[in-house]
C-alpha cells in the first residue's frame, strides 16, 4: 500500500541569518501562528500526536501510523502522516475527519465544528508557536526559514514522498530521503545544527519543562535531567 509521508529535517541556525544571501527561490513571506491542542495532562503529546490550528485557517493532525499501531519502528521526529482540514470545518470533510478521530481514539463531535470538537474532547491550548516564515524552493525541496518568537532562527527542509509500507526497505527509503535533505542543508553554507524535536516541544521546554519531559520527542541532552 502506498502512503504519502512528509519527511522533514529541522536545523537551528547558529549565526546571523540573511535570507537574501542564500541563493534560493523565495515563494512567500508571512506570519504563522500555530496553536496546539491537547488534554490538560498532555495525553496526546505523550504519544507523539499533535493537533494544530494554523492561523485559524487550517486544523492539522500530525502523527505516525507506526506509533499508533505499536510497531517497533525508529521514529526520530523527522517524518509524519499529516491530515489537514479547513477552518471552519466542512461537512464535506466529515467522513475523513471521523476516520482520523477513530485512528487516534478521540471523540468525533456531535456537531462538526472546531468548538464542539475541542469541548467534547476536553482539549485546551497546549502551546503557541509564533513565527515569521520565509518559504522557498530549490532542488525539489520545500524550504521554510523561520524566526520563532522566543526560540531563534531555524531552517526546515521538507520532501513529500510516497512509500510502499509493505516493502522491506521502507525504512531505508525514508533514511535515503533524510540523507539527501541533510546533504542539501549543509550545501547552503550556514552554521547549522540539526534539531531533533519540534517547535511545540521547544516552546514547552521553556514554559513547562515537566510536561515537555513527558513527551515522545525529548532532546538527548534533556533525557537525563
N, C-alpha and C. Protein backbone atom coordinates (compact mmCIF):
# COMPACT_ATOMS: atom_id res chain seq x y z
N UNK A 1 0.84 -1.20 0.00
CA UNK A 1 0.00 0.00 0.00
C UNK A 1 0.88 1.25 0.00
N UNK A 2 0.61 2.16 -0.91
CA UNK A 2 1.36 3.40 -0.99
C UNK A 2 0.81 4.41 0.03
N UNK A 3 1.73 5.13 0.65
CA UNK A 3 1.34 6.13 1.64
C UNK A 3 2.18 7.38 1.43
N UNK A 4 1.53 8.54 1.46
CA UNK A 4 2.25 9.81 1.32
C UNK A 4 2.75 10.26 2.68
N UNK A 5 4.06 10.53 2.77
CA UNK A 5 4.68 10.88 4.04
C UNK A 5 5.49 12.15 3.88
N UNK A 6 5.39 13.01 4.87
CA UNK A 6 6.19 14.23 4.92
C UNK A 6 7.49 13.94 5.65
N UNK A 7 8.61 14.06 4.93
CA UNK A 7 9.92 13.89 5.55
C UNK A 7 10.53 15.27 5.72
N UNK A 8 10.91 15.61 6.94
CA UNK A 8 11.35 16.98 7.23
C UNK A 8 12.48 16.96 8.26
N UNK A 9 13.53 17.71 7.96
CA UNK A 9 14.60 17.92 8.91
C UNK A 9 14.62 19.39 9.31
N UNK A 10 14.87 19.61 10.61
CA UNK A 10 14.89 20.97 11.15
C UNK A 10 16.29 21.26 11.67
N UNK A 11 16.77 22.49 11.44
CA UNK A 11 18.10 22.89 11.87
C UNK A 11 18.03 24.23 12.60
N UNK A 12 18.72 24.30 13.73
CA UNK A 12 18.94 25.59 14.37
C UNK A 12 20.04 26.32 13.61
N UNK A 13 19.85 27.61 13.37
CA UNK A 13 20.85 28.42 12.69
C UNK A 13 21.71 29.10 13.74
N UNK A 14 23.02 28.89 13.68
CA UNK A 14 23.93 29.31 14.75
C UNK A 14 24.69 30.59 14.42
N UNK A 15 24.22 31.33 13.43
CA UNK A 15 24.86 32.59 13.05
C UNK A 15 23.78 33.56 12.59
N UNK A 16 24.08 34.86 12.53
CA UNK A 16 23.10 35.81 12.00
C UNK A 16 22.66 35.38 10.60
N UNK A 17 21.36 35.41 10.35
CA UNK A 17 20.81 34.86 9.13
C UNK A 17 20.31 35.96 8.21
N UNK A 18 20.86 36.03 7.00
CA UNK A 18 20.39 36.94 5.96
C UNK A 18 19.82 36.09 4.84
N UNK A 19 18.50 35.96 4.81
CA UNK A 19 17.86 35.03 3.87
C UNK A 19 18.10 35.44 2.43
N UNK A 20 18.33 36.73 2.19
CA UNK A 20 18.51 37.19 0.81
C UNK A 20 19.84 36.76 0.21
N UNK A 21 20.75 36.21 1.01
CA UNK A 21 22.06 35.80 0.52
C UNK A 21 22.20 34.29 0.34
N UNK A 22 21.08 33.58 0.43
CA UNK A 22 21.14 32.12 0.35
C UNK A 22 21.09 31.59 -1.08
N UNK A 23 20.72 32.43 -2.03
CA UNK A 23 20.68 31.99 -3.42
C UNK A 23 19.59 30.98 -3.72
N UNK A 24 18.43 31.14 -3.08
CA UNK A 24 17.33 30.23 -3.33
C UNK A 24 16.10 31.03 -3.78
N UNK A 25 15.16 30.34 -4.42
CA UNK A 25 13.97 30.98 -4.98
C UNK A 25 12.91 31.16 -3.89
N UNK A 26 12.65 32.40 -3.52
CA UNK A 26 11.66 32.68 -2.48
C UNK A 26 10.26 32.66 -3.06
N UNK A 27 9.33 32.12 -2.29
CA UNK A 27 7.96 31.98 -2.73
C UNK A 27 7.04 32.94 -1.98
N UNK A 28 7.22 33.01 -0.64
CA UNK A 28 6.29 33.78 0.18
C UNK A 28 6.92 34.07 1.53
N UNK A 29 6.52 35.19 2.11
CA UNK A 29 6.94 35.52 3.47
C UNK A 29 5.70 35.91 4.26
N UNK A 30 5.49 35.31 5.43
CA UNK A 30 4.27 35.57 6.18
C UNK A 30 4.47 35.23 7.65
N UNK A 31 3.54 35.73 8.46
CA UNK A 31 3.50 35.33 9.86
C UNK A 31 2.67 34.06 9.99
N UNK A 32 3.15 33.13 10.79
CA UNK A 32 2.44 31.88 11.03
C UNK A 32 2.23 31.74 12.54
N UNK A 33 0.96 31.61 12.93
CA UNK A 33 0.62 31.44 14.35
C UNK A 33 -0.01 30.06 14.52
N UNK A 34 0.67 29.19 15.23
CA UNK A 34 0.21 27.83 15.46
C UNK A 34 -0.22 27.65 16.91
N UNK A 35 -1.43 27.15 17.09
CA UNK A 35 -1.94 26.82 18.42
C UNK A 35 -2.11 25.31 18.49
N UNK A 36 -1.48 24.69 19.48
CA UNK A 36 -1.56 23.24 19.66
C UNK A 36 -2.56 22.92 20.75
N UNK A 37 -3.40 21.90 20.49
CA UNK A 37 -4.43 21.49 21.43
C UNK A 37 -4.12 20.11 22.01
N UNK A 38 -4.55 19.92 23.25
CA UNK A 38 -4.34 18.62 23.91
C UNK A 38 -5.22 18.59 25.15
N UNK A 39 -5.21 17.48 25.85
CA UNK A 39 -5.85 17.42 27.15
C UNK A 39 -4.99 18.22 28.14
N UNK A 40 -5.55 18.62 29.28
CA UNK A 40 -4.74 19.35 30.26
C UNK A 40 -3.51 18.57 30.71
N UNK A 41 -3.57 17.23 30.67
CA UNK A 41 -2.44 16.40 31.09
C UNK A 41 -1.45 16.13 29.96
N UNK A 42 -1.77 16.57 28.74
CA UNK A 42 -0.88 16.33 27.61
C UNK A 42 -0.87 14.89 27.14
N UNK A 43 -2.02 14.22 27.13
CA UNK A 43 -2.06 12.80 26.78
C UNK A 43 -1.66 12.53 25.33
N UNK A 44 -2.07 13.42 24.42
CA UNK A 44 -1.68 13.24 23.02
C UNK A 44 -0.20 13.51 22.84
N UNK A 45 0.28 14.55 23.50
CA UNK A 45 1.69 14.92 23.42
C UNK A 45 2.59 13.77 23.83
N UNK A 46 2.20 13.04 24.87
CA UNK A 46 2.99 11.90 25.34
C UNK A 46 3.10 10.82 24.26
N UNK A 47 2.10 10.71 23.38
CA UNK A 47 2.09 9.68 22.35
C UNK A 47 2.70 10.16 21.03
N UNK A 48 3.10 11.44 20.97
CA UNK A 48 3.62 11.97 19.72
C UNK A 48 2.53 12.35 18.73
N UNK A 49 1.35 12.71 19.24
CA UNK A 49 0.23 13.14 18.41
C UNK A 49 0.05 14.64 18.59
N UNK A 50 -0.07 15.37 17.48
CA UNK A 50 -0.18 16.82 17.53
C UNK A 50 -1.40 17.29 16.75
N UNK A 51 -2.20 18.12 17.40
CA UNK A 51 -3.35 18.76 16.74
C UNK A 51 -3.08 20.25 16.74
N UNK A 52 -3.03 20.84 15.53
CA UNK A 52 -2.53 22.20 15.37
C UNK A 52 -3.51 23.07 14.58
N UNK A 53 -3.83 24.21 15.16
CA UNK A 53 -4.63 25.23 14.47
C UNK A 53 -3.65 26.24 13.87
N UNK A 54 -3.60 26.31 12.55
CA UNK A 54 -2.67 27.23 11.89
C UNK A 54 -3.41 28.45 11.35
N UNK A 55 -3.13 29.59 11.97
CA UNK A 55 -3.67 30.88 11.51
C UNK A 55 -5.19 30.90 11.44
N UNK A 56 -5.86 30.07 12.26
CA UNK A 56 -7.32 29.99 12.24
C UNK A 56 -7.86 29.67 10.84
N UNK A 57 -7.04 29.03 10.03
CA UNK A 57 -7.44 28.68 8.67
C UNK A 57 -7.42 27.18 8.42
N UNK A 58 -6.62 26.47 9.19
CA UNK A 58 -6.43 25.04 8.93
C UNK A 58 -6.19 24.30 10.23
N UNK A 59 -6.83 23.12 10.36
CA UNK A 59 -6.63 22.25 11.51
C UNK A 59 -5.85 21.02 11.03
N UNK A 60 -4.65 20.83 11.60
CA UNK A 60 -3.78 19.75 11.18
C UNK A 60 -3.67 18.69 12.26
N UNK A 61 -3.67 17.44 11.83
CA UNK A 61 -3.38 16.30 12.71
C UNK A 61 -2.06 15.70 12.22
N UNK A 62 -1.06 15.65 13.10
CA UNK A 62 0.26 15.13 12.73
C UNK A 62 0.62 14.00 13.68
N UNK A 63 0.93 12.83 13.12
CA UNK A 63 1.27 11.66 13.93
C UNK A 63 1.91 10.63 13.01
N UNK A 64 2.31 9.52 13.58
CA UNK A 64 2.89 8.43 12.81
C UNK A 64 2.06 7.16 13.01
N UNK A 65 1.67 6.54 11.90
CA UNK A 65 0.90 5.31 11.99
C UNK A 65 1.67 4.23 12.76
N UNK A 66 3.00 4.23 12.63
CA UNK A 66 3.80 3.22 13.33
C UNK A 66 3.60 3.32 14.83
N UNK A 67 3.55 4.57 15.34
CA UNK A 67 3.32 4.76 16.77
C UNK A 67 1.93 4.27 17.18
N UNK A 68 0.94 4.65 16.37
CA UNK A 68 -0.44 4.29 16.70
C UNK A 68 -0.61 2.77 16.70
N UNK A 69 0.05 2.11 15.73
CA UNK A 69 -0.09 0.66 15.61
C UNK A 69 0.81 -0.09 16.58
N UNK A 70 1.67 0.62 17.31
CA UNK A 70 2.56 -0.01 18.27
C UNK A 70 3.68 -0.81 17.63
N UNK A 71 4.06 -0.42 16.38
CA UNK A 71 5.13 -1.14 15.69
C UNK A 71 6.49 -0.71 16.21
N UNK A 72 7.44 -1.62 16.13
CA UNK A 72 8.82 -1.35 16.52
C UNK A 72 9.53 -0.67 15.36
N UNK A 73 9.41 0.66 15.30
CA UNK A 73 9.93 1.42 14.17
C UNK A 73 10.59 2.67 14.72
N UNK A 74 11.86 2.87 14.38
CA UNK A 74 12.57 4.04 14.88
C UNK A 74 11.98 5.30 14.26
N UNK A 75 11.52 6.20 15.09
CA UNK A 75 10.97 7.47 14.59
C UNK A 75 11.59 8.59 15.40
N UNK A 76 12.38 9.42 14.72
CA UNK A 76 13.09 10.49 15.40
C UNK A 76 12.51 11.86 15.07
N UNK A 77 11.20 11.90 14.85
CA UNK A 77 10.50 13.17 14.61
C UNK A 77 10.91 13.82 13.29
N UNK A 78 11.30 13.00 12.32
CA UNK A 78 11.70 13.54 11.02
C UNK A 78 10.70 13.20 9.92
N UNK A 79 9.69 12.39 10.23
CA UNK A 79 8.65 12.15 9.24
C UNK A 79 7.33 11.92 9.96
N UNK A 80 6.24 12.17 9.25
CA UNK A 80 4.93 12.00 9.88
C UNK A 80 3.86 11.86 8.81
N UNK A 81 2.72 11.35 9.25
CA UNK A 81 1.49 11.39 8.46
C UNK A 81 0.74 12.63 8.89
N UNK A 82 0.19 13.35 7.92
CA UNK A 82 -0.49 14.61 8.24
C UNK A 82 -1.84 14.67 7.52
N UNK A 83 -2.86 15.07 8.27
CA UNK A 83 -4.21 15.25 7.73
C UNK A 83 -4.65 16.67 8.06
N UNK A 84 -5.15 17.38 7.06
CA UNK A 84 -5.49 18.80 7.23
C UNK A 84 -6.94 19.05 6.85
N UNK A 85 -7.56 19.99 7.59
CA UNK A 85 -8.96 20.34 7.36
C UNK A 85 -9.11 21.86 7.42
N UNK A 86 -9.92 22.39 6.54
CA UNK A 86 -10.17 23.83 6.55
C UNK A 86 -10.93 24.22 7.81
N UNK A 87 -10.66 25.43 8.30
CA UNK A 87 -11.44 26.03 9.38
C UNK A 87 -12.23 27.21 8.76
N UNK A 88 -13.57 27.26 8.97
CA UNK A 88 -14.39 26.34 9.77
C UNK A 88 -14.47 24.95 9.12
N UNK A 89 -14.65 23.94 9.97
CA UNK A 89 -14.73 22.58 9.49
C UNK A 89 -15.95 22.41 8.58
N UNK A 90 -15.79 21.63 7.51
CA UNK A 90 -16.81 21.47 6.50
C UNK A 90 -17.46 20.09 6.57
N UNK A 91 -18.77 20.06 6.34
CA UNK A 91 -19.47 18.77 6.34
C UNK A 91 -18.94 17.85 5.26
N UNK A 92 -18.41 18.42 4.17
CA UNK A 92 -17.84 17.60 3.10
C UNK A 92 -16.64 16.79 3.60
N UNK A 93 -16.02 17.25 4.68
CA UNK A 93 -14.86 16.55 5.24
C UNK A 93 -15.22 15.62 6.39
N UNK A 94 -16.52 15.46 6.64
CA UNK A 94 -16.95 14.73 7.83
C UNK A 94 -16.43 13.30 7.86
N UNK A 95 -16.49 12.58 6.74
CA UNK A 95 -16.05 11.19 6.72
C UNK A 95 -14.57 11.08 7.02
N UNK A 96 -13.77 11.92 6.38
CA UNK A 96 -12.33 11.91 6.61
C UNK A 96 -12.01 12.30 8.05
N UNK A 97 -12.72 13.30 8.58
CA UNK A 97 -12.49 13.75 9.95
C UNK A 97 -12.83 12.63 10.94
N UNK A 98 -13.94 11.95 10.70
CA UNK A 98 -14.34 10.83 11.58
C UNK A 98 -13.28 9.73 11.55
N UNK A 99 -12.73 9.45 10.38
CA UNK A 99 -11.70 8.41 10.26
C UNK A 99 -10.47 8.75 11.08
N UNK A 100 -10.04 10.01 11.01
CA UNK A 100 -8.88 10.44 11.80
C UNK A 100 -9.17 10.31 13.29
N UNK A 101 -10.36 10.71 13.71
CA UNK A 101 -10.74 10.58 15.12
C UNK A 101 -10.70 9.12 15.56
N UNK A 102 -11.16 8.22 14.71
CA UNK A 102 -11.16 6.79 15.05
C UNK A 102 -9.73 6.26 15.17
N UNK A 103 -8.86 6.69 14.25
CA UNK A 103 -7.46 6.25 14.30
C UNK A 103 -6.82 6.68 15.61
N UNK A 104 -7.10 7.92 16.02
CA UNK A 104 -6.46 8.47 17.22
C UNK A 104 -7.23 8.19 18.50
N UNK A 105 -8.38 7.52 18.36
CA UNK A 105 -9.23 7.17 19.50
C UNK A 105 -9.63 8.41 20.30
N UNK A 106 -10.08 9.42 19.57
CA UNK A 106 -10.63 10.62 20.18
C UNK A 106 -12.07 10.79 19.71
N UNK A 107 -12.81 11.67 20.36
CA UNK A 107 -14.25 11.78 20.13
C UNK A 107 -14.54 12.59 18.87
N UNK A 108 -15.38 12.02 18.00
CA UNK A 108 -15.91 12.77 16.86
C UNK A 108 -17.10 13.58 17.38
N UNK A 109 -17.11 14.89 17.17
CA UNK A 109 -18.15 15.72 17.80
C UNK A 109 -19.54 15.49 17.21
N UNK A 110 -20.54 15.72 18.02
CA UNK A 110 -21.92 15.55 17.58
C UNK A 110 -22.28 16.56 16.50
N UNK A 111 -21.72 17.74 16.59
CA UNK A 111 -21.87 18.75 15.54
C UNK A 111 -20.47 19.12 15.06
N UNK A 112 -20.23 19.02 13.76
CA UNK A 112 -18.87 19.18 13.26
C UNK A 112 -18.47 20.66 13.25
N UNK A 113 -17.80 21.06 14.33
CA UNK A 113 -17.23 22.40 14.43
C UNK A 113 -15.99 22.31 15.30
N UNK A 114 -15.10 23.27 15.15
CA UNK A 114 -13.90 23.26 15.97
C UNK A 114 -14.25 23.39 17.44
N UNK A 115 -15.20 24.25 17.74
CA UNK A 115 -15.60 24.47 19.13
C UNK A 115 -16.13 23.19 19.76
N UNK A 116 -17.00 22.47 19.04
CA UNK A 116 -17.55 21.22 19.57
C UNK A 116 -16.47 20.15 19.71
N UNK A 117 -15.59 20.09 18.74
CA UNK A 117 -14.51 19.11 18.78
C UNK A 117 -13.63 19.31 20.01
N UNK A 118 -13.26 20.56 20.27
CA UNK A 118 -12.42 20.85 21.43
C UNK A 118 -13.16 20.56 22.74
N UNK A 119 -14.40 21.00 22.82
CA UNK A 119 -15.16 20.86 24.05
C UNK A 119 -15.43 19.38 24.40
N UNK A 120 -15.83 18.59 23.40
CA UNK A 120 -16.21 17.21 23.68
C UNK A 120 -15.00 16.32 24.00
N UNK A 121 -13.81 16.78 23.58
CA UNK A 121 -12.60 16.05 23.93
C UNK A 121 -11.86 16.65 25.12
N UNK A 122 -12.42 17.72 25.69
CA UNK A 122 -11.79 18.44 26.80
C UNK A 122 -10.39 18.91 26.43
N UNK A 123 -10.23 19.35 25.16
CA UNK A 123 -8.94 19.85 24.71
C UNK A 123 -8.77 21.31 25.09
N UNK A 124 -7.56 21.66 25.48
CA UNK A 124 -7.21 23.04 25.82
C UNK A 124 -5.97 23.43 25.01
N UNK A 125 -5.62 24.69 25.12
CA UNK A 125 -4.42 25.17 24.43
C UNK A 125 -3.18 24.64 25.13
N UNK A 126 -2.36 23.91 24.40
CA UNK A 126 -1.14 23.32 24.96
C UNK A 126 0.05 24.26 24.80
N UNK A 127 0.22 24.82 23.60
CA UNK A 127 1.36 25.69 23.31
C UNK A 127 1.03 26.57 22.12
N UNK A 128 1.71 27.70 22.03
CA UNK A 128 1.57 28.62 20.90
C UNK A 128 2.95 28.85 20.31
N UNK A 129 3.05 28.69 18.99
CA UNK A 129 4.29 28.94 18.27
C UNK A 129 4.04 30.08 17.29
N UNK A 130 4.74 31.18 17.50
CA UNK A 130 4.57 32.38 16.68
C UNK A 130 5.86 32.61 15.90
N UNK A 131 5.75 32.63 14.58
CA UNK A 131 6.97 32.75 13.78
C UNK A 131 6.74 33.57 12.51
N UNK A 132 7.82 34.18 12.05
CA UNK A 132 7.84 34.79 10.72
C UNK A 132 8.50 33.78 9.80
N UNK A 133 7.77 33.37 8.78
CA UNK A 133 8.25 32.29 7.91
C UNK A 133 8.50 32.81 6.50
N UNK A 134 9.68 32.52 5.99
CA UNK A 134 10.00 32.77 4.59
C UNK A 134 10.07 31.42 3.90
N UNK A 135 9.25 31.24 2.86
CA UNK A 135 9.17 29.96 2.18
C UNK A 135 9.92 30.04 0.86
N UNK A 136 10.59 28.96 0.51
CA UNK A 136 11.42 28.93 -0.69
C UNK A 136 11.45 27.52 -1.26
N UNK A 137 11.98 27.40 -2.49
CA UNK A 137 12.15 26.10 -3.13
C UNK A 137 13.51 26.05 -3.80
N UNK A 138 14.11 24.86 -3.77
CA UNK A 138 15.34 24.64 -4.51
C UNK A 138 15.60 23.14 -4.60
N UNK A 139 16.01 22.69 -5.78
CA UNK A 139 16.37 21.28 -6.00
C UNK A 139 15.28 20.30 -5.58
N UNK A 140 14.02 20.73 -5.73
CA UNK A 140 12.91 19.85 -5.40
C UNK A 140 12.55 19.80 -3.93
N UNK A 141 13.21 20.63 -3.11
CA UNK A 141 12.92 20.68 -1.68
C UNK A 141 12.08 21.91 -1.35
N UNK A 142 11.18 21.75 -0.38
CA UNK A 142 10.43 22.88 0.19
C UNK A 142 11.21 23.37 1.41
N UNK A 143 11.50 24.66 1.45
CA UNK A 143 12.35 25.23 2.50
C UNK A 143 11.55 26.27 3.27
N UNK A 144 11.59 26.18 4.59
CA UNK A 144 10.97 27.19 5.46
C UNK A 144 12.05 27.78 6.35
N UNK A 145 12.22 29.08 6.26
CA UNK A 145 13.19 29.79 7.09
C UNK A 145 12.39 30.55 8.13
N UNK A 146 12.55 30.16 9.39
CA UNK A 146 11.68 30.64 10.46
C UNK A 146 12.43 31.46 11.50
N UNK A 147 11.84 32.59 11.85
CA UNK A 147 12.26 33.34 13.02
C UNK A 147 11.16 33.15 14.05
N UNK A 148 11.45 32.33 15.07
CA UNK A 148 10.43 31.90 16.02
C UNK A 148 10.56 32.73 17.30
N UNK A 149 9.46 33.33 17.69
CA UNK A 149 9.45 34.18 18.89
C UNK A 149 9.91 33.36 20.10
N UNK A 150 10.93 33.85 20.78
CA UNK A 150 11.43 33.22 21.98
C UNK A 150 12.36 32.05 21.77
N UNK A 151 12.56 31.62 20.52
CA UNK A 151 13.39 30.44 20.25
C UNK A 151 14.57 30.72 19.33
N UNK A 152 14.42 31.65 18.37
CA UNK A 152 15.53 31.96 17.47
C UNK A 152 15.23 31.60 16.03
N UNK A 153 16.31 31.39 15.26
CA UNK A 153 16.21 31.14 13.82
C UNK A 153 16.38 29.66 13.50
N UNK A 154 15.58 29.19 12.55
CA UNK A 154 15.61 27.78 12.15
C UNK A 154 15.40 27.68 10.64
N UNK A 155 15.86 26.57 10.10
CA UNK A 155 15.54 26.20 8.72
C UNK A 155 14.93 24.81 8.74
N UNK A 156 13.76 24.66 8.11
CA UNK A 156 13.13 23.36 7.93
C UNK A 156 13.18 23.03 6.44
N UNK A 157 13.58 21.81 6.11
CA UNK A 157 13.64 21.37 4.73
C UNK A 157 12.80 20.10 4.61
N UNK A 158 11.89 20.12 3.65
CA UNK A 158 10.86 19.08 3.56
C UNK A 158 10.81 18.47 2.17
N UNK A 159 10.51 17.19 2.16
CA UNK A 159 10.26 16.46 0.91
C UNK A 159 9.09 15.53 1.14
N UNK A 160 8.10 15.58 0.24
CA UNK A 160 6.96 14.67 0.32
C UNK A 160 7.26 13.47 -0.56
N UNK A 161 7.17 12.29 0.02
CA UNK A 161 7.43 11.08 -0.76
C UNK A 161 6.25 10.11 -0.60
N UNK A 162 6.15 9.21 -1.56
CA UNK A 162 5.16 8.13 -1.47
C UNK A 162 5.93 6.83 -1.31
N UNK A 163 5.60 6.10 -0.27
CA UNK A 163 6.32 4.86 0.02
C UNK A 163 5.34 3.69 0.11
N UNK A 164 5.85 2.53 -0.23
CA UNK A 164 5.09 1.30 -0.09
C UNK A 164 5.43 0.71 1.28
N UNK A 165 4.50 0.83 2.22
CA UNK A 165 4.80 0.44 3.59
C UNK A 165 4.92 -1.07 3.75
N UNK A 166 4.58 -1.82 2.70
CA UNK A 166 4.69 -3.28 2.80
C UNK A 166 6.06 -3.77 2.32
N UNK A 167 6.88 -2.87 1.73
CA UNK A 167 8.20 -3.26 1.27
C UNK A 167 9.17 -3.33 2.46
N UNK A 168 10.11 -4.28 2.37
CA UNK A 168 11.05 -4.47 3.47
C UNK A 168 12.01 -3.30 3.62
N UNK A 169 12.26 -2.59 2.51
CA UNK A 169 13.21 -1.47 2.56
C UNK A 169 12.51 -0.13 2.80
N UNK A 170 11.30 -0.19 3.33
CA UNK A 170 10.51 1.02 3.60
C UNK A 170 11.28 2.02 4.45
N UNK A 171 11.86 1.55 5.56
CA UNK A 171 12.58 2.46 6.45
C UNK A 171 13.84 3.00 5.77
N UNK A 172 14.50 2.19 4.98
CA UNK A 172 15.70 2.66 4.28
C UNK A 172 15.35 3.74 3.26
N UNK A 173 14.17 3.63 2.64
CA UNK A 173 13.75 4.67 1.71
C UNK A 173 13.59 6.01 2.43
N UNK A 174 13.05 5.97 3.62
CA UNK A 174 12.95 7.19 4.43
C UNK A 174 14.34 7.72 4.77
N UNK A 175 15.23 6.83 5.14
CA UNK A 175 16.59 7.25 5.52
C UNK A 175 17.34 7.85 4.34
N UNK A 176 17.13 7.30 3.14
CA UNK A 176 17.78 7.88 1.96
C UNK A 176 17.32 9.30 1.73
N UNK A 177 16.03 9.53 1.92
CA UNK A 177 15.49 10.88 1.74
C UNK A 177 16.06 11.83 2.79
N UNK A 178 16.19 11.36 4.02
CA UNK A 178 16.78 12.19 5.08
C UNK A 178 18.22 12.57 4.74
N UNK A 179 18.97 11.61 4.21
CA UNK A 179 20.37 11.89 3.86
C UNK A 179 20.45 12.94 2.75
N UNK A 180 19.54 12.84 1.77
CA UNK A 180 19.53 13.83 0.69
C UNK A 180 19.21 15.22 1.24
N UNK A 181 18.24 15.30 2.16
CA UNK A 181 17.90 16.59 2.76
C UNK A 181 19.09 17.15 3.52
N UNK A 182 19.75 16.31 4.29
CA UNK A 182 20.87 16.78 5.11
C UNK A 182 22.03 17.27 4.23
N UNK A 183 22.30 16.56 3.15
CA UNK A 183 23.36 17.00 2.23
C UNK A 183 23.02 18.36 1.64
N UNK A 184 21.77 18.53 1.24
CA UNK A 184 21.35 19.82 0.69
C UNK A 184 21.46 20.92 1.73
N UNK A 185 21.01 20.65 2.96
CA UNK A 185 21.04 21.66 4.02
C UNK A 185 22.46 22.17 4.24
N UNK A 186 23.40 21.26 4.25
CA UNK A 186 24.78 21.65 4.53
C UNK A 186 25.45 22.32 3.33
N UNK A 187 24.83 22.19 2.14
CA UNK A 187 25.35 22.88 0.97
C UNK A 187 25.01 24.36 0.96
N UNK A 188 24.13 24.79 1.87
CA UNK A 188 23.73 26.20 1.91
C UNK A 188 24.82 27.08 2.51
N UNK A 189 25.81 26.48 3.15
CA UNK A 189 26.93 27.24 3.66
C UNK A 189 26.67 27.96 4.97
N UNK A 190 25.68 27.51 5.72
CA UNK A 190 25.36 28.12 7.01
C UNK A 190 25.91 27.28 8.16
N UNK A 191 26.14 27.94 9.30
CA UNK A 191 26.45 27.22 10.53
C UNK A 191 25.12 26.74 11.11
N UNK A 192 24.90 25.43 11.05
CA UNK A 192 23.62 24.87 11.48
C UNK A 192 23.86 23.65 12.35
N UNK A 193 22.82 23.32 13.13
CA UNK A 193 22.84 22.12 13.96
C UNK A 193 21.48 21.47 13.86
N UNK A 194 21.45 20.18 13.52
CA UNK A 194 20.17 19.52 13.38
C UNK A 194 19.44 19.48 14.71
N UNK A 195 18.15 19.82 14.66
CA UNK A 195 17.31 19.83 15.84
C UNK A 195 16.34 18.67 15.74
N UNK A 196 16.36 17.78 16.72
CA UNK A 196 15.62 16.52 16.62
C UNK A 196 14.25 16.56 17.27
N UNK A 197 13.74 17.74 17.55
CA UNK A 197 12.40 17.85 18.11
C UNK A 197 11.67 19.00 17.43
N UNK A 198 10.41 19.21 17.78
CA UNK A 198 9.59 20.19 17.10
C UNK A 198 9.44 21.50 17.86
N UNK A 199 8.82 22.47 17.20
CA UNK A 199 8.62 23.78 17.83
C UNK A 199 7.72 23.67 19.06
N UNK A 200 6.71 22.83 19.00
CA UNK A 200 5.82 22.67 20.16
C UNK A 200 6.62 22.22 21.37
N UNK A 201 7.49 21.23 21.17
CA UNK A 201 8.32 20.75 22.26
C UNK A 201 9.27 21.83 22.77
N UNK A 202 9.86 22.58 21.85
CA UNK A 202 10.82 23.62 22.24
C UNK A 202 10.14 24.73 23.05
N UNK A 203 8.90 25.06 22.69
CA UNK A 203 8.15 26.04 23.49
C UNK A 203 7.87 25.49 24.88
N UNK A 204 7.41 24.23 24.95
CA UNK A 204 7.13 23.63 26.26
C UNK A 204 8.41 23.48 27.08
N UNK A 205 9.52 23.26 26.41
CA UNK A 205 10.80 23.17 27.12
C UNK A 205 11.08 24.45 27.90
N UNK A 206 10.61 25.58 27.35
CA UNK A 206 10.81 26.87 28.01
C UNK A 206 9.71 27.20 29.00
N UNK A 207 8.50 26.72 28.75
CA UNK A 207 7.35 27.17 29.54
C UNK A 207 6.82 26.12 30.52
N UNK A 208 7.04 24.84 30.24
CA UNK A 208 6.53 23.77 31.11
C UNK A 208 7.45 22.55 30.96
N UNK A 209 8.60 22.62 31.61
CA UNK A 209 9.63 21.61 31.40
C UNK A 209 9.17 20.22 31.81
N UNK A 210 8.39 20.11 32.87
CA UNK A 210 7.95 18.80 33.34
C UNK A 210 7.05 18.14 32.30
N UNK A 211 6.14 18.91 31.69
CA UNK A 211 5.29 18.35 30.65
C UNK A 211 6.13 18.00 29.42
N UNK A 212 7.06 18.87 29.08
CA UNK A 212 7.96 18.61 27.95
C UNK A 212 8.68 17.27 28.13
N UNK A 213 9.14 16.98 29.34
CA UNK A 213 9.88 15.74 29.60
C UNK A 213 9.00 14.50 29.41
N UNK A 214 7.68 14.66 29.48
CA UNK A 214 6.77 13.54 29.29
C UNK A 214 6.54 13.23 27.82
N UNK A 215 6.99 14.13 26.93
CA UNK A 215 6.74 13.97 25.51
C UNK A 215 7.54 12.85 24.87
N UNK A 216 7.14 12.46 23.69
CA UNK A 216 7.80 11.38 22.97
C UNK A 216 9.14 11.83 22.39
N UNK A 217 9.25 13.12 22.07
CA UNK A 217 10.44 13.63 21.40
C UNK A 217 11.16 14.65 22.28
N UNK A 218 12.07 14.16 23.09
CA UNK A 218 12.84 14.99 24.00
C UNK A 218 14.27 15.05 23.49
N UNK A 219 14.90 16.22 23.56
CA UNK A 219 16.28 16.34 23.15
C UNK A 219 17.17 15.42 23.99
N UNK A 220 18.17 14.84 23.35
CA UNK A 220 19.06 13.90 24.05
C UNK A 220 19.66 14.53 25.31
N UNK A 221 19.99 15.82 25.20
CA UNK A 221 20.63 16.49 26.33
C UNK A 221 19.72 16.65 27.55
N UNK A 222 18.40 16.47 27.33
CA UNK A 222 17.44 16.63 28.43
C UNK A 222 16.96 15.32 29.02
N UNK A 223 17.30 14.20 28.42
CA UNK A 223 16.75 12.91 28.85
C UNK A 223 17.20 12.51 30.25
N UNK A 224 18.35 13.01 30.67
CA UNK A 224 18.85 12.66 32.00
C UNK A 224 18.57 13.73 33.04
N UNK A 225 17.88 14.79 32.64
CA UNK A 225 17.60 15.88 33.58
C UNK A 225 16.35 15.60 34.38
